[in-house]
C-alpha atoms as a PDB file:
ATOM      1  CA  UNK A   1     -30.983  19.976   1.209  1.00  0.00           C
ATOM      2  CA  UNK A   2     -30.263  17.324   3.737  1.00  0.00           C
ATOM      3  CA  UNK A   3     -32.218  14.107   4.002  1.00  0.00           C
ATOM      4  CA  UNK A   4     -34.323  15.064   7.026  1.00  0.00           C
ATOM      5  CA  UNK A   5     -35.595  18.184   5.251  1.00  0.00           C
ATOM      6  CA  UNK A   6     -36.573  16.119   2.236  1.00  0.00           C
ATOM      7  CA  UNK A   7     -38.382  13.598   4.462  1.00  0.00           C
ATOM      8  CA  UNK A   8     -40.321  16.427   6.108  1.00  0.00           C
ATOM      9  CA  UNK A   9     -41.336  17.854   2.740  1.00  0.00           C
ATOM     10  CA  UNK A  10     -42.369  14.420   1.494  1.00  0.00           C
ATOM     11  CA  UNK A  11     -44.419  13.815   4.649  1.00  0.00           C
ATOM     12  CA  UNK A  12     -46.203  17.165   4.245  1.00  0.00           C
ATOM     13  CA  UNK A  13     -46.946  16.409   0.580  1.00  0.00           C
ATOM     14  CA  UNK A  14     -48.330  13.004   1.519  1.00  0.00           C
ATOM     15  CA  UNK A  15     -50.559  14.493   4.230  1.00  0.00           C
ATOM     16  CA  UNK A  16     -51.826  17.115   1.783  1.00  0.00           C
ATOM     17  CA  UNK A  17     -52.671  14.411  -0.754  1.00  0.00           C
ATOM     18  CA  UNK A  18     -54.583  12.434   1.893  1.00  0.00           C
ATOM     19  CA  UNK A  19     -56.523  15.565   2.836  1.00  0.00           C
ATOM     20  CA  UNK A  20     -57.459  16.218  -0.800  1.00  0.00           C
ATOM     21  CA  UNK A  21     -58.562  12.602  -1.242  1.00  0.00           C
ATOM     22  CA  UNK A  22     -60.640  12.796   1.933  1.00  0.00           C
ATOM     23  CA  UNK A  23     -62.344  15.980   0.767  1.00  0.00           C
ATOM     24  CA  UNK A  24     -63.080  14.465  -2.651  1.00  0.00           C
ATOM     25  CA  UNK A  25     -64.477  11.321  -1.036  1.00  0.00           C
ATOM     26  CA  UNK A  26     -66.671  13.418   1.249  1.00  0.00           C
ATOM     27  CA  UNK A  27     -68.034  15.395  -1.689  1.00  0.00           C
ATOM     28  CA  UNK A  28     -68.711  12.212  -3.671  1.00  0.00           C
ATOM     29  CA  UNK A  29     -70.420  10.660  -0.638  1.00  0.00           C
ATOM     30  CA  UNK A  30     -72.661  13.704  -0.220  1.00  0.00           C
ATOM     31  CA  UNK A  31     -73.644  13.765  -3.904  1.00  0.00           C
ATOM     32  CA  UNK A  32     -74.239  10.017  -3.941  1.00  0.00           C
ATOM     33  CA  UNK A  33     -76.223  10.295  -0.714  1.00  0.00           C
ATOM     34  CA  UNK A  34     -78.472  12.940  -2.237  1.00  0.00           C
ATOM     35  CA  UNK A  35     -79.045  10.722  -5.288  1.00  0.00           C
ATOM     36  CA  UNK A  36     -79.627   7.287  -3.741  1.00  0.00           C
ATOM     37  CA  UNK A  37     -80.018   7.953  -0.020  1.00  0.00           C
ATOM     38  CA  UNK A  38     -77.473   8.277   2.723  1.00  0.00           C
ATOM     39  CA  UNK A  39     -78.031   4.801   4.193  1.00  0.00           C
ATOM     40  CA  UNK A  40     -77.280   3.058   0.905  1.00  0.00           C
ATOM     41  CA  UNK A  41     -74.390   5.430   0.187  1.00  0.00           C
ATOM     42  CA  UNK A  42     -72.987   4.649   3.651  1.00  0.00           C
ATOM     43  CA  UNK A  43     -73.225   0.918   3.037  1.00  0.00           C
ATOM     44  CA  UNK A  44     -71.552   1.283  -0.359  1.00  0.00           C
ATOM     45  CA  UNK A  45     -68.842   3.478   1.162  1.00  0.00           C
ATOM     46  CA  UNK A  46     -68.208   0.930   3.907  1.00  0.00           C
ATOM     47  CA  UNK A  47     -67.995  -1.907   1.401  1.00  0.00           C
ATOM     48  CA  UNK A  48     -65.631   0.125  -0.761  1.00  0.00           C
ATOM     49  CA  UNK A  49     -63.490   0.904   2.298  1.00  0.00           C
ATOM     50  CA  UNK A  50     -63.235  -2.791   3.172  1.00  0.00           C
ATOM     51  CA  UNK A  51     -62.160  -3.608  -0.387  1.00  0.00           C
ATOM     52  CA  UNK A  52     -59.492  -0.897  -0.286  1.00  0.00           C
ATOM     53  CA  UNK A  53     -58.160  -2.123   3.068  1.00  0.00           C
ATOM     54  CA  UNK A  54     -58.095  -5.740   1.832  1.00  0.00           C
ATOM     55  CA  UNK A  55     -56.243  -4.717  -1.343  1.00  0.00           C
ATOM     56  CA  UNK A  56     -53.733  -2.751   0.733  1.00  0.00           C
ATOM     57  CA  UNK A  57     -53.089  -5.694   3.069  1.00  0.00           C
ATOM     58  CA  UNK A  58     -52.681  -8.114   0.172  1.00  0.00           C
ATOM     59  CA  UNK A  59     -50.273  -5.819  -1.662  1.00  0.00           C
ATOM     60  CA  UNK A  60     -48.175  -5.297   1.486  1.00  0.00           C
ATOM     61  CA  UNK A  61     -47.954  -9.029   2.087  1.00  0.00           C
ATOM     62  CA  UNK A  62     -47.070  -9.676  -1.533  1.00  0.00           C
ATOM     63  CA  UNK A  63     -44.310  -7.035  -1.448  1.00  0.00           C
ATOM     64  CA  UNK A  64     -42.939  -8.410   1.799  1.00  0.00           C
ATOM     65  CA  UNK A  65     -42.694 -12.005   0.533  1.00  0.00           C
ATOM     66  CA  UNK A  66     -41.091 -11.157  -2.837  1.00  0.00           C
ATOM     67  CA  UNK A  67     -37.335 -11.679  -2.950  1.00  0.00           C
ATOM     68  CA  UNK A  68     -35.366  -8.452  -3.203  1.00  0.00           C
END
């Protein structure tokens, strides 16, 4: 296989993983919303999303500043 074919396969695998994670998050949000209320579950989901984005930004900056 050439490199472009491998990149396409890797991209499709990555997209499939993101879709699975999104579906799992949606199911967890629905169950949590039924248990504690959708407003509180939405606030918790938003806070969790901000933490994930902050961790991603910090890790990218840390990887960029490390010497190779």
